[in-house]
Amino acid sequence: YHAKRHLRGRTVIFSSELEAEIRSRGVIENLLRTSD
């Protein structure tokens, strides 16, 4: 998903930075579900 959004046509290996993105994405998704 990260490769297609930011590095199309390239190879991306999962890293601690992407793990932080996932956590942030999870927070956004959870807050979005309960948002007004």
PDB file of all heavy atoms in Angstrom:
ATOM      1  N   TYR A   1       0.838  -1.202   0.000  1.00  0.00           N
ATOM      2  CA  TYR A   1       0.000   0.000   0.000  1.00  0.00           C
ATOM      3  C   TYR A   1       0.878   1.259   0.000  1.00  0.00           C
ATOM      4  O   TYR A   1       0.616   2.217  -0.750  1.00  0.00           O
ATOM      5  CB  TYR A   1      -0.909  -0.027   1.226  1.00  0.00           C
ATOM      6  CG  TYR A   1      -1.663   1.251   1.503  1.00  0.00           C
ATOM      7  CD1 TYR A   1      -2.809   1.577   0.786  1.00  0.00           C
ATOM      8  CD2 TYR A   1      -1.227   2.133   2.492  1.00  0.00           C
ATOM      9  CE1 TYR A   1      -3.501   2.754   1.043  1.00  0.00           C
ATOM     10  CE2 TYR A   1      -1.912   3.304   2.759  1.00  0.00           C
ATOM     11  CZ  TYR A   1      -3.051   3.616   2.032  1.00  0.00           C
ATOM     12  OH  TYR A   1      -3.733   4.773   2.289  1.00  0.00           O
ATOM     13  N   HIS A   2       1.917   1.249   0.820  1.00  0.00           N
ATOM     14  CA  HIS A   2       2.826   2.392   0.882  1.00  0.00           C
ATOM     15  C   HIS A   2       3.556   2.568  -0.451  1.00  0.00           C
ATOM     16  O   HIS A   2       3.732   3.707  -0.929  1.00  0.00           O
ATOM     17  CB  HIS A   2       3.830   2.188   2.016  1.00  0.00           C
ATOM     18  CG  HIS A   2       4.762   3.342   2.204  1.00  0.00           C
ATOM     19  ND1 HIS A   2       4.437   4.451   2.944  1.00  0.00           N
ATOM     20  CD2 HIS A   2       6.021   3.564   1.719  1.00  0.00           C
ATOM     21  CE1 HIS A   2       5.445   5.305   2.928  1.00  0.00           C
ATOM     22  NE2 HIS A   2       6.425   4.785   2.197  1.00  0.00           N
ATOM     23  N   ALA A   3       3.972   1.461  -1.057  1.00  0.00           N
ATOM     24  CA  ALA A   3       4.678   1.538  -2.336  1.00  0.00           C
ATOM     25  C   ALA A   3       3.775   2.129  -3.421  1.00  0.00           C
ATOM     26  O   ALA A   3       4.207   2.975  -4.210  1.00  0.00           O
ATOM     27  CB  ALA A   3       5.166   0.153  -2.754  1.00  0.00           C
ATOM     28  N   LYS A   4       2.531   1.706  -3.457  1.00  0.00           N
ATOM     29  CA  LYS A   4       1.626   2.181  -4.495  1.00  0.00           C
ATOM     30  C   LYS A   4       1.281   3.659  -4.306  1.00  0.00           C
ATOM     31  O   LYS A   4       1.044   4.373  -5.279  1.00  0.00           O
ATOM     32  CB  LYS A   4       0.348   1.337  -4.513  1.00  0.00           C
ATOM     33  CG  LYS A   4       0.567  -0.091  -5.003  1.00  0.00           C
ATOM     34  CD  LYS A   4      -0.712  -0.850  -5.156  1.00  0.00           C
ATOM     35  CE  LYS A   4      -1.512  -0.363  -6.335  1.00  0.00           C
ATOM     36  NZ  LYS A   4      -0.872  -0.603  -7.637  1.00  0.00           N
ATOM     37  N   ARG A   5       1.269   4.120  -3.071  1.00  0.00           N
ATOM     38  CA  ARG A   5       0.929   5.521  -2.823  1.00  0.00           C
ATOM     39  C   ARG A   5       2.126   6.453  -3.021  1.00  0.00           C
ATOM     40  O   ARG A   5       1.972   7.562  -3.522  1.00  0.00           O
ATOM     41  CB  ARG A   5       0.396   5.683  -1.399  1.00  0.00           C
ATOM     42  CG  ARG A   5      -1.012   5.186  -1.193  1.00  0.00           C
ATOM     43  CD  ARG A   5      -1.563   5.685   0.125  1.00  0.00           C
ATOM     44  NE  ARG A   5      -1.703   7.141   0.139  1.00  0.00           N
ATOM     45  CZ  ARG A   5      -1.950   7.849   1.247  1.00  0.00           C
ATOM     46  NH1 ARG A   5      -2.047   7.238   2.413  1.00  0.00           N
ATOM     47  NH2 ARG A   5      -2.083   9.152   1.189  1.00  0.00           N
ATOM     48  N   HIS A   6       3.309   6.008  -2.621  1.00  0.00           N
ATOM     49  CA  HIS A   6       4.452   6.912  -2.589  1.00  0.00           C
ATOM     50  C   HIS A   6       5.616   6.483  -3.475  1.00  0.00           C
ATOM     51  O   HIS A   6       6.421   7.334  -3.869  1.00  0.00           O
ATOM     52  CB  HIS A   6       4.956   7.052  -1.144  1.00  0.00           C
ATOM     53  CG  HIS A   6       3.897   7.483  -0.183  1.00  0.00           C
ATOM     54  ND1 HIS A   6       3.347   8.738  -0.188  1.00  0.00           N
ATOM     55  CD2 HIS A   6       3.262   6.802   0.821  1.00  0.00           C
ATOM     56  CE1 HIS A   6       2.429   8.843   0.776  1.00  0.00           C
ATOM     57  NE2 HIS A   6       2.364   7.675   1.403  1.00  0.00           N
ATOM     58  N   LEU A   7       5.756   5.199  -3.760  1.00  0.00           N
ATOM     59  CA  LEU A   7       6.907   4.697  -4.518  1.00  0.00           C
ATOM     60  C   LEU A   7       6.440   3.719  -5.581  1.00  0.00           C
ATOM     61  O   LEU A   7       6.912   2.574  -5.657  1.00  0.00           O
ATOM     62  CB  LEU A   7       7.920   4.029  -3.572  1.00  0.00           C
ATOM     63  CG  LEU A   7       8.565   4.936  -2.525  1.00  0.00           C
ATOM     64  CD1 LEU A   7       9.282   4.097  -1.475  1.00  0.00           C
ATOM     65  CD2 LEU A   7       9.536   5.905  -3.185  1.00  0.00           C
ATOM     66  N   ARG A   8       5.501   4.164  -6.400  1.00  0.00           N
ATOM     67  CA  ARG A   8       4.909   3.270  -7.406  1.00  0.00           C
ATOM     68  C   ARG A   8       6.001   2.676  -8.303  1.00  0.00           C
ATOM     69  O   ARG A   8       6.888   3.375  -8.787  1.00  0.00           O
ATOM     70  CB  ARG A   8       3.899   4.054  -8.247  1.00  0.00           C
ATOM     71  CG  ARG A   8       3.147   3.192  -9.255  1.00  0.00           C
ATOM     72  CD  ARG A   8       2.103   4.024  -9.970  1.00  0.00           C
ATOM     73  NE  ARG A   8       1.030   4.400  -9.054  1.00  0.00           N
ATOM     74  CZ  ARG A   8      -0.049   3.667  -8.835  1.00  0.00           C
ATOM     75  NH1 ARG A   8      -0.178   2.506  -9.450  1.00  0.00           N
ATOM     76  NH2 ARG A   8      -0.985   4.080  -8.014  1.00  0.00           N
ATOM     77  N   GLY A   9       5.887   1.365  -8.494  1.00  0.00           N
ATOM     78  CA  GLY A   9       6.862   0.662  -9.317  1.00  0.00           C
ATOM     79  C   GLY A   9       8.128   0.277  -8.579  1.00  0.00           C
ATOM     80  O   GLY A   9       9.074  -0.216  -9.196  1.00  0.00           O
ATOM     81  N   ARG A  10       8.131   0.455  -7.262  1.00  0.00           N
ATOM     82  CA  ARG A  10       9.327   0.151  -6.463  1.00  0.00           C
ATOM     83  C   ARG A  10       9.024  -0.953  -5.452  1.00  0.00           C
ATOM     84  O   ARG A  10       7.886  -1.396  -5.298  1.00  0.00           O
ATOM     85  CB  ARG A  10       9.781   1.411  -5.723  1.00  0.00           C
ATOM     86  CG  ARG A  10      10.068   2.606  -6.626  1.00  0.00           C
ATOM     87  CD  ARG A  10      11.461   2.594  -7.182  1.00  0.00           C
ATOM     88  NE  ARG A  10      12.445   2.764  -6.116  1.00  0.00           N
ATOM     89  CZ  ARG A  10      12.774   3.944  -5.593  1.00  0.00           C
ATOM     90  NH1 ARG A  10      12.192   5.055  -6.031  1.00  0.00           N
ATOM     91  NH2 ARG A  10      13.690   4.027  -4.648  1.00  0.00           N
ATOM     92  N   THR A  11      10.071  -1.374  -4.740  1.00  0.00           N
ATOM     93  CA  THR A  11       9.952  -2.392  -3.699  1.00  0.00           C
ATOM     94  C   THR A  11      10.098  -1.739  -2.335  1.00  0.00           C
ATOM     95  O   THR A  11      11.020  -0.946  -2.120  1.00  0.00           O
ATOM     96  CB  THR A  11      11.040  -3.468  -3.872  1.00  0.00           C
ATOM     97  OG1 THR A  11      10.850  -4.128  -5.128  1.00  0.00           O
ATOM     98  CG2 THR A  11      10.949  -4.510  -2.761  1.00  0.00           C
ATOM     99  N   VAL A  12       9.188  -2.065  -1.414  1.00  0.00           N
ATOM    100  CA  VAL A  12       9.215  -1.507  -0.063  1.00  0.00           C
ATOM    101  C   VAL A  12       9.225  -2.654   0.940  1.00  0.00           C
ATOM    102  O   VAL A  12       8.419  -3.585   0.834  1.00  0.00           O
ATOM    103  CB  VAL A  12       8.002  -0.590   0.197  1.00  0.00           C
ATOM    104  CG1 VAL A  12       7.953  -0.161   1.658  1.00  0.00           C
ATOM    105  CG2 VAL A  12       8.055   0.633  -0.709  1.00  0.00           C
ATOM    106  N   ILE A  13      10.135  -2.597   1.904  1.00  0.00           N
ATOM    107  CA  ILE A  13      10.205  -3.583   2.985  1.00  0.00           C
ATOM    108  C   ILE A  13       9.641  -2.952   4.247  1.00  0.00           C
ATOM    109  O   ILE A  13       9.971  -1.810   4.585  1.00  0.00           O
ATOM    110  CB  ILE A  13      11.652  -4.055   3.217  1.00  0.00           C
ATOM    111  CG1 ILE A  13      12.204  -4.701   1.937  1.00  0.00           C
ATOM    112  CG2 ILE A  13      11.712  -5.052   4.373  1.00  0.00           C
ATOM    113  CD1 ILE A  13      13.659  -5.114   2.042  1.00  0.00           C
ATOM    114  N   PHE A  14       8.796  -3.699   4.931  1.00  0.00           N
ATOM    115  CA  PHE A  14       8.146  -3.170   6.131  1.00  0.00           C
ATOM    116  C   PHE A  14       9.203  -2.765   7.160  1.00  0.00           C
ATOM    117  O   PHE A  14      10.163  -3.485   7.409  1.00  0.00           O
ATOM    118  CB  PHE A  14       7.222  -4.223   6.730  1.00  0.00           C
ATOM    119  CG  PHE A  14       6.305  -3.687   7.793  1.00  0.00           C
ATOM    120  CD1 PHE A  14       5.166  -2.991   7.456  1.00  0.00           C
ATOM    121  CD2 PHE A  14       6.599  -3.875   9.135  1.00  0.00           C
ATOM    122  CE1 PHE A  14       4.322  -2.485   8.429  1.00  0.00           C
ATOM    123  CE2 PHE A  14       5.768  -3.385  10.120  1.00  0.00           C
ATOM    124  CZ  PHE A  14       4.624  -2.681   9.759  1.00  0.00           C
ATOM    125  N   SER A  15       8.997  -1.574   7.756  1.00  0.00           N
ATOM    126  CA  SER A  15       9.988  -1.017   8.675  1.00  0.00           C
ATOM    127  C   SER A  15       9.292  -0.435   9.894  1.00  0.00           C
ATOM    128  O   SER A  15       8.061  -0.400   9.981  1.00  0.00           O
ATOM    129  CB  SER A  15      10.786   0.076   7.958  1.00  0.00           C
ATOM    130  OG  SER A  15       9.914   1.133   7.559  1.00  0.00           O
ATOM    131  N   SER A  16      10.100   0.055  10.830  1.00  0.00           N
ATOM    132  CA  SER A  16       9.542   0.666  12.033  1.00  0.00           C
ATOM    133  C   SER A  16       8.757   1.928  11.685  1.00  0.00           C
ATOM    134  O   SER A  16       7.767   2.261  12.342  1.00  0.00           O
ATOM    135  CB  SER A  16      10.665   0.996  13.019  1.00  0.00           C
ATOM    136  OG  SER A  16      11.639   1.837  12.410  1.00  0.00           O
ATOM    137  N   GLU A  17       9.196   2.636  10.633  1.00  0.00           N
ATOM    138  CA  GLU A  17       8.459   3.830  10.210  1.00  0.00           C
ATOM    139  C   GLU A  17       7.067   3.460   9.714  1.00  0.00           C
ATOM    140  O   GLU A  17       6.076   4.140  10.028  1.00  0.00           O
ATOM    141  CB  GLU A  17       9.223   4.568   9.106  1.00  0.00           C
ATOM    142  CG  GLU A  17      10.500   5.247   9.566  1.00  0.00           C
ATOM    143  CD  GLU A  17      11.658   4.275   9.685  1.00  0.00           C
ATOM    144  OE1 GLU A  17      11.494   3.086   9.321  1.00  0.00           O
ATOM    145  OE2 GLU A  17      12.732   4.697  10.170  1.00  0.00           O
ATOM    146  N   LEU A  18       6.981   2.391   8.942  1.00  0.00           N
ATOM    147  CA  LEU A  18       5.669   1.954   8.458  1.00  0.00           C
ATOM    148  C   LEU A  18       4.813   1.433   9.612  1.00  0.00           C
ATOM    149  O   LEU A  18       3.592   1.601   9.610  1.00  0.00           O
ATOM    150  CB  LEU A  18       5.830   0.865   7.394  1.00  0.00           C
ATOM    151  CG  LEU A  18       6.490   1.300   6.087  1.00  0.00           C
ATOM    152  CD1 LEU A  18       6.459   0.153   5.083  1.00  0.00           C
ATOM    153  CD2 LEU A  18       5.806   2.519   5.506  1.00  0.00           C
ATOM    154  N   GLU A  19       5.461   0.806  10.590  1.00  0.00           N
ATOM    155  CA  GLU A  19       4.714   0.355  11.762  1.00  0.00           C
ATOM    156  C   GLU A  19       4.100   1.546  12.502  1.00  0.00           C
ATOM    157  O   GLU A  19       2.952   1.490  12.951  1.00  0.00           O
ATOM    158  CB  GLU A  19       5.639  -0.427  12.691  1.00  0.00           C
ATOM    159  CG  GLU A  19       4.919  -1.052  13.875  1.00  0.00           C
ATOM    160  CD  GLU A  19       5.838  -1.901  14.726  1.00  0.00           C
ATOM    161  OE1 GLU A  19       7.049  -1.932  14.442  1.00  0.00           O
ATOM    162  OE2 GLU A  19       5.343  -2.530  15.678  1.00  0.00           O
ATOM    163  N   ALA A  20       4.858   2.639  12.586  1.00  0.00           N
ATOM    164  CA  ALA A  20       4.321   3.849  13.216  1.00  0.00           C
ATOM    165  C   ALA A  20       3.167   4.414  12.401  1.00  0.00           C
ATOM    166  O   ALA A  20       2.165   4.892  12.950  1.00  0.00           O
ATOM    167  CB  ALA A  20       5.437   4.885  13.357  1.00  0.00           C
ATOM    168  N   GLU A  21       3.289   4.324  11.078  1.00  0.00           N
ATOM    169  CA  GLU A  21       2.194   4.775  10.214  1.00  0.00           C
ATOM    170  C   GLU A  21       0.933   3.960  10.459  1.00  0.00           C
ATOM    171  O   GLU A  21      -0.178   4.501  10.499  1.00  0.00           O
ATOM    172  CB  GLU A  21       2.603   4.665   8.744  1.00  0.00           C
ATOM    173  CG  GLU A  21       3.432   5.811   8.239  1.00  0.00           C
ATOM    174  CD  GLU A  21       3.639   5.721   6.741  1.00  0.00           C
ATOM    175  OE1 GLU A  21       2.835   5.051   6.061  1.00  0.00           O
ATOM    176  OE2 GLU A  21       4.605   6.317   6.243  1.00  0.00           O
ATOM    177  N   ILE A  22       1.108   2.651  10.601  1.00  0.00           N
ATOM    178  CA  ILE A  22      -0.051   1.787  10.841  1.00  0.00           C
ATOM    179  C   ILE A  22      -0.726   2.166  12.145  1.00  0.00           C
ATOM    180  O   ILE A  22      -1.962   2.244  12.225  1.00  0.00           O
ATOM    181  CB  ILE A  22       0.379   0.311  10.859  1.00  0.00           C
ATOM    182  CG1 ILE A  22       0.718  -0.161   9.452  1.00  0.00           C
ATOM    183  CG2 ILE A  22      -0.724  -0.566  11.457  1.00  0.00           C
ATOM    184  CD1 ILE A  22       1.118  -1.605   9.367  1.00  0.00           C
ATOM    185  N   ARG A  23       0.084   2.392  13.174  1.00  0.00           N
ATOM    186  CA  ARG A  23      -0.515   2.782  14.456  1.00  0.00           C
ATOM    187  C   ARG A  23      -1.268   4.098  14.320  1.00  0.00           C
ATOM    188  O   ARG A  23      -2.379   4.266  14.836  1.00  0.00           O
ATOM    189  CB  ARG A  23       0.564   2.884  15.531  1.00  0.00           C
ATOM    190  CG  ARG A  23       1.086   1.534  15.994  1.00  0.00           C
ATOM    191  CD  ARG A  23       1.798   1.673  17.327  1.00  0.00           C
ATOM    192  NE  ARG A  23       2.995   2.499  17.214  1.00  0.00           N
ATOM    193  CZ  ARG A  23       4.208   2.011  16.964  1.00  0.00           C
ATOM    194  NH1 ARG A  23       4.379   0.711  16.808  1.00  0.00           N
ATOM    195  NH2 ARG A  23       5.251   2.828  16.881  1.00  0.00           N
ATOM    196  N   SER A  24      -0.645   5.045  13.603  1.00  0.00           N
ATOM    197  CA  SER A  24      -1.304   6.332  13.384  1.00  0.00           C
ATOM    198  C   SER A  24      -2.567   6.151  12.563  1.00  0.00           C
ATOM    199  O   SER A  24      -3.611   6.753  12.844  1.00  0.00           O
ATOM    200  CB  SER A  24      -0.339   7.279  12.661  1.00  0.00           C
ATOM    201  OG  SER A  24      -0.978   8.471  12.317  1.00  0.00           O
ATOM    202  N   ARG A  25      -2.486   5.316  11.535  1.00  0.00           N
ATOM    203  CA  ARG A  25      -3.656   5.057  10.697  1.00  0.00           C
ATOM    204  C   ARG A  25      -4.768   4.421  11.512  1.00  0.00           C
ATOM    205  O   ARG A  25      -5.947   4.764  11.357  1.00  0.00           O
ATOM    206  CB  ARG A  25      -3.268   4.141   9.525  1.00  0.00           C
ATOM    207  CG  ARG A  25      -4.388   3.922   8.533  1.00  0.00           C
ATOM    208  CD  ARG A  25      -3.925   3.140   7.336  1.00  0.00           C
ATOM    209  NE  ARG A  25      -3.762   1.731   7.630  1.00  0.00           N
ATOM    210  CZ  ARG A  25      -3.684   0.778   6.694  1.00  0.00           C
ATOM    211  NH1 ARG A  25      -3.724   1.101   5.418  1.00  0.00           N
ATOM    212  NH2 ARG A  25      -3.548  -0.478   7.031  1.00  0.00           N
ATOM    213  N   GLY A  26      -4.387   3.523  12.418  1.00  0.00           N
ATOM    214  CA  GLY A  26      -5.390   2.880  13.264  1.00  0.00           C
ATOM    215  C   GLY A  26      -6.075   3.878  14.172  1.00  0.00           C
ATOM    216  O   GLY A  26      -7.297   3.823  14.394  1.00  0.00           O
ATOM    217  N   VAL A  27      -5.287   4.821  14.693  1.00  0.00           N
ATOM    218  CA  VAL A  27      -5.872   5.857  15.553  1.00  0.00           C
ATOM    219  C   VAL A  27      -6.856   6.703  14.750  1.00  0.00           C
ATOM    220  O   VAL A  27      -7.971   6.998  15.203  1.00  0.00           O
ATOM    221  CB  VAL A  27      -4.754   6.731  16.161  1.00  0.00           C
ATOM    222  CG1 VAL A  27      -5.356   7.949  16.856  1.00  0.00           C
ATOM    223  CG2 VAL A  27      -3.918   5.913  17.129  1.00  0.00           C
ATOM    224  N   ILE A  28      -6.448   7.096  13.537  1.00  0.00           N
ATOM    225  CA  ILE A  28      -7.319   7.910  12.688  1.00  0.00           C
ATOM    226  C   ILE A  28      -8.605   7.160  12.355  1.00  0.00           C
ATOM    227  O   ILE A  28      -9.711   7.724  12.416  1.00  0.00           O
ATOM    228  CB  ILE A  28      -6.573   8.326  11.403  1.00  0.00           C
ATOM    229  CG1 ILE A  28      -5.458   9.308  11.744  1.00  0.00           C
ATOM    230  CG2 ILE A  28      -7.526   8.922  10.383  1.00  0.00           C
ATOM    231  CD1 ILE A  28      -4.573   9.668  10.564  1.00  0.00           C
ATOM    232  N   GLU A  29      -8.480   5.880  12.003  1.00  0.00           N
ATOM    233  CA  GLU A  29      -9.664   5.100  11.649  1.00  0.00           C
ATOM    234  C   GLU A  29     -10.615   4.980  12.833  1.00  0.00           C
ATOM    235  O   GLU A  29     -11.833   5.126  12.684  1.00  0.00           O
ATOM    236  CB  GLU A  29      -9.238   3.715  11.148  1.00  0.00           C
ATOM    237  CG  GLU A  29      -8.549   3.746   9.796  1.00  0.00           C
ATOM    238  CD  GLU A  29      -8.043   2.376   9.375  1.00  0.00           C
ATOM    239  OE1 GLU A  29      -8.179   1.425  10.189  1.00  0.00           O
ATOM    240  OE2 GLU A  29      -7.521   2.250   8.253  1.00  0.00           O
ATOM    241  N   ASN A  30     -10.066   4.718  14.009  1.00  0.00           N
ATOM    242  CA  ASN A  30     -10.926   4.569  15.194  1.00  0.00           C
ATOM    243  C   ASN A  30     -11.622   5.881  15.538  1.00  0.00           C
ATOM    244  O   ASN A  30     -12.823   5.896  15.862  1.00  0.00           O
ATOM    245  CB  ASN A  30     -10.095   4.087  16.386  1.00  0.00           C
ATOM    246  CG  ASN A  30      -9.644   2.648  16.232  1.00  0.00           C
ATOM    247  OD1 ASN A  30     -10.302   1.858  15.556  1.00  0.00           O
ATOM    248  ND2 ASN A  30      -8.525   2.299  16.830  1.00  0.00           N
ATOM    249  N   LEU A  31     -10.893   6.990  15.459  1.00  0.00           N
ATOM    250  CA  LEU A  31     -11.509   8.285  15.762  1.00  0.00           C
ATOM    251  C   LEU A  31     -12.524   8.674  14.688  1.00  0.00           C
ATOM    252  O   LEU A  31     -13.551   9.299  14.986  1.00  0.00           O
ATOM    253  CB  LEU A  31     -10.434   9.359  15.877  1.00  0.00           C
ATOM    254  CG  LEU A  31      -9.509   9.247  17.103  1.00  0.00           C
ATOM    255  CD1 LEU A  31      -8.424  10.311  17.049  1.00  0.00           C
ATOM    256  CD2 LEU A  31     -10.315   9.373  18.390  1.00  0.00           C
ATOM    257  N   LEU A  32     -12.237   8.292  13.454  1.00  0.00           N
ATOM    258  CA  LEU A  32     -13.162   8.611  12.366  1.00  0.00           C
ATOM    259  C   LEU A  32     -14.485   7.872  12.538  1.00  0.00           C
ATOM    260  O   LEU A  32     -15.556   8.410  12.220  1.00  0.00           O
ATOM    261  CB  LEU A  32     -12.514   8.250  11.025  1.00  0.00           C
ATOM    262  CG  LEU A  32     -13.107   8.863   9.753  1.00  0.00           C
ATOM    263  CD1 LEU A  32     -13.073  10.383   9.838  1.00  0.00           C
ATOM    264  CD2 LEU A  32     -12.331   8.380   8.536  1.00  0.00           C
ATOM    265  N   ARG A  33     -14.404   6.657  13.069  1.00  0.00           N
ATOM    266  CA  ARG A  33     -15.630   5.873  13.280  1.00  0.00           C
ATOM    267  C   ARG A  33     -16.557   6.543  14.296  1.00  0.00           C
ATOM    268  O   ARG A  33     -17.779   6.399  14.208  1.00  0.00           O
ATOM    269  CB  ARG A  33     -15.276   4.464  13.755  1.00  0.00           C
ATOM    270  CG  ARG A  33     -14.687   3.565  12.684  1.00  0.00           C
ATOM    271  CD  ARG A  33     -14.575   2.132  13.191  1.00  0.00           C
ATOM    272  NE  ARG A  33     -14.035   1.241  12.173  1.00  0.00           N
ATOM    273  CZ  ARG A  33     -12.745   0.923  12.068  1.00  0.00           C
ATOM    274  NH1 ARG A  33     -11.869   1.430  12.937  1.00  0.00           N
ATOM    275  NH2 ARG A  33     -12.327   0.110  11.118  1.00  0.00           N
ATOM    276  N   THR A  34     -15.973   7.220  15.247  1.00  0.00           N
ATOM    277  CA  THR A  34     -16.784   7.820  16.317  1.00  0.00           C
ATOM    278  C   THR A  34     -16.955   9.324  16.145  1.00  0.00           C
ATOM    279  O   THR A  34     -17.507   9.979  17.024  1.00  0.00           O
ATOM    280  CB  THR A  34     -16.133   7.532  17.680  1.00  0.00           C
ATOM    281  OG1 THR A  34     -14.806   8.083  17.695  1.00  0.00           O
ATOM    282  CG2 THR A  34     -16.052   6.035  17.946  1.00  0.00           C
ATOM    283  N   SER A  35     -16.462   9.865  15.034  1.00  0.00           N
ATOM    284  CA  SER A  35     -16.508  11.314  14.859  1.00  0.00           C
ATOM    285  C   SER A  35     -17.917  11.780  14.517  1.00  0.00           C
ATOM    286  O   SER A  35     -18.724  11.052  13.938  1.00  0.00           O
ATOM    287  CB  SER A  35     -15.538  11.751  13.761  1.00  0.00           C
ATOM    288  OG  SER A  35     -15.983  11.281  12.500  1.00  0.00           O
ATOM    289  N   ASP A  36     -18.205  13.016  14.868  1.00  0.00           N
ATOM    290  CA  ASP A  36     -19.457  13.686  14.523  1.00  0.00           C
ATOM    291  C   ASP A  36     -19.190  14.518  13.274  1.00  0.00           C
ATOM    292  O   ASP A  36     -18.566  15.579  13.335  1.00  0.00           O
ATOM    293  CB  ASP A  36     -19.901  14.573  15.686  1.00  0.00           C
ATOM    294  CG  ASP A  36     -21.217  15.278  15.415  1.00  0.00           C
ATOM    295  OD1 ASP A  36     -21.706  15.203  14.266  1.00  0.00           O
ATOM    296  OD2 ASP A  36     -21.743  15.919  16.341  1.00  0.00           O
TER     297      ASP A  36
END
